[in-house]
Protein backbone atom coordinates (compact mmCIF):
# COMPACT_ATOMS: atom_id res chain seq x y z
CA MET A 1 -6.10 -4.83 17.82
CA ALA A 2 -6.43 -5.89 21.44
CA LYS A 3 -4.97 -9.15 22.56
CA LYS A 4 -8.44 -10.51 23.24
CA ALA A 5 -10.81 -9.94 20.32
CA SER A 6 -14.41 -8.91 20.89
CA PRO A 7 -17.08 -11.53 20.10
CA THR A 8 -17.87 -9.76 16.81
CA ALA A 9 -14.20 -9.51 15.83
CA GLN A 10 -13.70 -13.17 16.76
CA ARG A 11 -16.57 -14.23 14.48
CA ILE A 12 -15.06 -12.22 11.65
CA ILE A 13 -11.63 -13.76 12.26
CA GLU A 14 -13.05 -17.29 12.21
CA ALA A 15 -15.02 -16.67 9.01
CA ALA A 16 -12.09 -14.93 7.33
CA THR A 17 -9.71 -17.74 8.26
CA GLN A 18 -11.81 -20.29 6.41
CA ARG A 19 -12.11 -18.01 3.40
CA PHE A 20 -8.42 -17.13 3.17
CA LEU A 21 -7.24 -20.72 3.62
CA THR A 22 -9.77 -22.07 1.13
CA ASP A 23 -9.87 -19.31 -1.50
CA GLY A 24 -6.54 -17.57 -0.99
CA TYR A 25 -6.02 -13.86 -0.50
CA ASP A 26 -7.06 -12.71 -3.98
CA GLY A 27 -10.06 -15.04 -4.06
CA THR A 28 -11.43 -13.84 -0.72
CA ASN A 29 -14.23 -11.25 -0.85
CA LEU A 30 -14.96 -9.24 2.29
CA GLU A 31 -18.66 -9.30 1.48
CA ASP A 32 -18.55 -13.09 1.80
CA VAL A 33 -16.56 -12.80 5.05
CA ALA A 34 -19.20 -10.39 6.40
CA SER A 35 -22.03 -12.72 5.38
CA ASP A 36 -20.31 -15.76 6.88
CA SER A 37 -19.80 -13.96 10.20
CA GLY A 38 -23.31 -12.47 10.33
CA VAL A 39 -22.25 -8.82 10.08
CA THR A 40 -22.13 -6.13 7.41
CA LYS A 41 -19.14 -5.27 5.26
CA PRO A 42 -18.77 -1.84 6.96
CA THR A 43 -18.56 -3.69 10.29
CA VAL A 44 -15.64 -5.73 8.99
CA TYR A 45 -13.89 -2.53 7.93
CA SER A 46 -14.64 -0.82 11.25
CA HIS A 47 -12.91 -3.64 13.13
CA PHE A 48 -9.94 -4.26 10.85
CA GLY A 49 -9.63 -1.36 8.43
CA SER A 50 -8.71 -3.34 5.33
CA LYS A 51 -8.55 -6.81 3.81
CA GLN A 52 -4.78 -6.83 4.30
CA ALA A 53 -5.09 -5.89 7.98
CA LEU A 54 -7.68 -8.62 8.46
CA LEU A 55 -5.33 -11.22 7.01
CA ILE A 56 -2.54 -10.09 9.32
CA ALA A 57 -4.93 -10.24 12.30
CA ILE A 58 -6.00 -13.82 11.61
CA THR A 59 -2.39 -14.77 10.92
CA GLU A 60 -1.24 -13.46 14.28
CA ALA A 61 -4.16 -15.11 16.09
CA HIS A 62 -3.95 -18.59 14.58
CA VAL A 63 -0.24 -18.97 13.95
CA SER A 64 0.46 -17.70 17.46
CA ASP A 65 -1.92 -20.29 18.93
CA ARG A 66 -0.18 -23.12 17.08
CA ALA A 67 3.24 -21.83 18.10
CA SER A 68 2.13 -21.81 21.74
CA VAL A 69 1.07 -25.46 21.53
CA VAL A 70 4.39 -26.49 19.96
CA SER A 71 6.51 -24.41 22.34
CA SER A 72 4.68 -25.73 25.42
CA ALA A 73 5.63 -29.27 24.36
CA LEU A 74 9.24 -28.45 25.23
CA ALA A 75 9.40 -28.76 29.01
CA THR A 76 12.45 -29.49 31.14
CA THR A 77 12.25 -32.81 32.98
CA GLY A 78 15.93 -33.45 33.55
CA ASN A 79 16.11 -35.85 30.59
CA THR A 80 17.14 -33.77 27.58
CA HIS A 81 16.94 -36.65 25.14
CA GLU A 82 13.32 -37.45 26.03
CA ASP A 83 12.37 -33.77 26.17
CA LEU A 84 13.62 -33.20 22.64
CA LYS A 85 11.98 -36.37 21.31
CA LYS A 86 8.61 -35.29 22.67
CA PHE A 87 9.00 -31.80 21.24
CA ALA A 88 10.20 -33.10 17.86
CA SER A 89 7.17 -35.35 17.53
CA VAL A 90 4.70 -32.53 18.28
CA PHE A 91 6.61 -30.10 16.06
CA LEU A 92 6.56 -32.37 13.01
CA GLN A 93 2.96 -33.41 13.57
CA ARG A 94 1.87 -29.77 13.61
CA LEU A 95 4.16 -28.74 10.79
CA GLN A 96 2.82 -31.42 8.46
CA SER A 97 -0.86 -30.98 9.31
CA GLU A 98 -3.26 -29.99 6.54
CA GLU A 99 -3.93 -26.64 8.22
CA ALA A 100 -0.22 -25.85 8.48
CA GLN A 101 0.23 -26.65 4.78
CA CYS A 102 -2.58 -24.24 3.93
CA TRP A 103 -0.89 -21.48 5.93
CA HIS A 104 2.41 -22.31 4.22
CA HIS A 105 0.86 -21.97 0.78
CA LEU A 106 -0.86 -18.74 1.78
CA ALA A 107 2.40 -17.24 3.02
CA LEU A 108 4.24 -18.23 -0.15
CA SER A 109 1.52 -16.87 -2.41
CA GLN A 110 1.57 -13.48 -0.67
CA ALA A 111 5.32 -13.14 -0.02
CA ARG A 112 5.94 -10.91 -3.04
CA GLU A 113 2.76 -8.82 -3.17
CA HIS A 114 2.27 -8.55 0.59
CA PRO A 115 5.60 -9.26 2.34
CA GLU A 116 4.15 -8.04 5.65
CA VAL A 117 1.91 -11.13 5.67
CA GLY A 118 4.90 -13.44 5.47
CA LYS A 119 6.65 -11.43 8.17
CA ALA A 120 3.61 -11.71 10.42
CA ILE A 121 3.45 -15.48 9.92
CA PHE A 122 7.15 -15.84 10.72
CA ALA A 123 7.04 -13.57 13.77
CA SER A 124 3.90 -15.19 15.21
CA GLY A 125 4.95 -18.78 14.56
CA PRO A 126 8.48 -19.90 13.60
CA ALA A 127 10.25 -17.09 15.47
CA ARG A 128 8.41 -17.96 18.69
CA VAL A 129 9.22 -21.65 18.37
CA LEU A 130 12.86 -20.84 17.62
CA GLY A 131 12.97 -18.64 20.69
CA ALA A 132 11.52 -21.39 22.88
CA VAL A 133 14.05 -23.96 21.64
CA THR A 134 16.91 -21.47 22.09
CA GLU A 135 15.82 -20.76 25.67
CA TYR A 136 15.53 -24.49 26.40
CA ILE A 137 19.05 -25.14 25.13
CA LYS A 138 20.37 -22.23 27.23
CA ASN A 139 18.74 -23.66 30.35
CA GLU A 140 19.96 -27.20 29.66
CA THR A 141 23.48 -25.84 29.17
CA LYS A 142 23.28 -23.95 32.48
CA ALA A 143 22.06 -27.16 34.13
CA GLY A 144 25.11 -29.00 32.81
CA ARG A 145 23.23 -31.40 30.58
CA LEU A 146 24.32 -29.75 27.31
CA THR A 147 27.51 -27.98 26.26
CA CYS A 148 26.44 -25.35 23.76
CA LYS A 149 28.23 -22.04 23.21
CA SER A 150 25.69 -20.67 20.72
CA PRO A 151 22.17 -21.83 21.72
CA ASP A 152 20.51 -19.74 19.00
CA VAL A 153 22.59 -21.39 16.27
CA ALA A 154 22.07 -24.85 17.75
CA ALA A 155 18.30 -24.27 17.97
CA GLU A 156 18.12 -23.28 14.32
CA GLN A 157 20.19 -26.31 13.33
CA PHE A 158 17.93 -28.61 15.35
CA LEU A 159 14.75 -27.25 13.78
CA GLY A 160 16.37 -27.30 10.36
CA MET A 161 17.17 -30.99 10.70
CA LEU A 162 13.58 -31.70 11.73
CA ILE A 163 12.12 -29.79 8.78
CA GLY A 164 14.54 -31.36 6.31
CA LEU A 165 13.25 -31.28 2.73
CA ASN A 166 9.60 -31.05 3.70
CA SER A 167 9.29 -27.41 2.60
CA ILE A 168 10.56 -28.37 -0.83
CA ARG A 169 8.21 -31.35 -0.94
CA THR A 170 5.29 -29.05 -0.15
CA MET A 171 6.23 -26.53 -2.84
CA THR A 172 6.70 -29.19 -5.51
CA GLY A 173 3.66 -31.29 -4.66
CA GLU A 174 5.61 -34.28 -3.40
CA PRO A 175 3.91 -36.33 -0.65
CA LEU A 176 5.10 -35.77 2.89
CA PRO A 177 6.65 -38.67 4.86
CA SER A 178 4.35 -41.09 6.65
CA LYS A 179 3.88 -40.85 10.41
CA ALA A 180 6.18 -43.83 10.87
CA LYS A 181 8.93 -42.11 8.88
CA GLN A 182 8.33 -38.92 10.85
CA GLN A 183 8.91 -40.72 14.12
CA ARG A 184 12.09 -42.36 12.81
CA ALA A 185 13.29 -38.96 11.63
CA CYS A 186 12.60 -37.45 15.06
CA LYS A 187 14.67 -40.12 16.78
CA GLU A 188 17.59 -39.73 14.37
CA VAL A 189 17.59 -35.94 14.60
CA VAL A 190 17.59 -35.99 18.40
CA LYS A 191 20.32 -38.63 18.37
CA THR A 192 22.47 -36.46 16.11
CA PHE A 193 21.83 -33.34 18.18
CA MET A 194 22.69 -35.11 21.44
CA ALA A 195 25.87 -36.55 19.94
CA ALA A 196 26.98 -33.00 19.19
CA PHE A 197 25.90 -31.23 22.38
CA ALA A 198 25.20 -33.65 25.24
CA LYS A 199 27.65 -33.25 28.11
CA GLU A 200 27.21 -36.85 29.08
CA SER A 201 25.16 -39.81 27.86
CA GLN A 202 21.44 -39.51 28.64
C-alpha cells in the first residue's frame, strides 16, 4: 500500500479502525466496514486483499502516527534533564490513553493467531520510539552532556522505567496511575536516568 492512501482507502481505514478497536478482530465483519465507509465489500478487498491485510494497514497507519507524535516530543535543547522530562510526560500520556489501551488489547488478543499483527504494531510504534530515544542519547553523548557507552540499552532501560508495571495493570484490569502520579513517576525516572548517565549536573 502506498504511503499516502487514496480517499477511498482512507475512508475504509477510518471505518475499519473503529470496528477493530470496538469489536476486536474476530468480531469485525468486512460487510460492516464497507457499509460504514460507503463502499462495497469487493471494494474493500480490491484495496486491501483480506481482513488480515486491512488490520495490518490500519495498524501501520495509526500506530505510526502516534509514534511520530511521541518521538517528535524529544528535541535537543541543550538541557537533557528538561528534554527527557518533556518526552516522558508525552510518552506516558499517550501510552495510557484509552485509544492506546484498545490497541494494546487488540495486539494481545491477536498475538497467537496472527503474530504478524503484533509485529506490525511493534515495528510501527514501540520500535520507532525506541529508535528515537536511542538516537537522542547518542547525540547527547556526542555533545558531552551524557556518558553512555550503549545508547540502545540505555534507551530501553529508560522506556522500561517509564512503563513500569502499567502493562501488567492493563492485562489484569487494575486501574492505571492518576495523572499526578504519572508526573511524579516521570520526574523520578528522569532523575534516576540522569544520575546514571549525566556527565555533569544539569
